[in-house]
């Protein structure tokens, strides 16, 4: 989203974390980063009907900011469901 608003973004290289605490800290950092977006852009247009003004994401779809945040939330919920199912399978 920041890139679509003209910011130069340096993406963090992916790395494997070794502890639950590290994952918790990185999740907290991610949420803080996303919250900062709305502090930095308090008047950003969340919904955009003009497809030319939507954001083209790396997997080829176009979203407005609200749709991107909805996608991110659902993505986390989907992984949670997958983990819960995996835990059930481990107990069986």
Foldseek 3Di string as FASTA:
>chain_A
DVVLVPDDDDDDDDDDDDDPVVVVVVVVVVVVVVVVVCVVPVPDDQDDPPQVSFDQDPVGDTHGNVVVVVVVVVVVVVVVVVVVVVVVVVVD
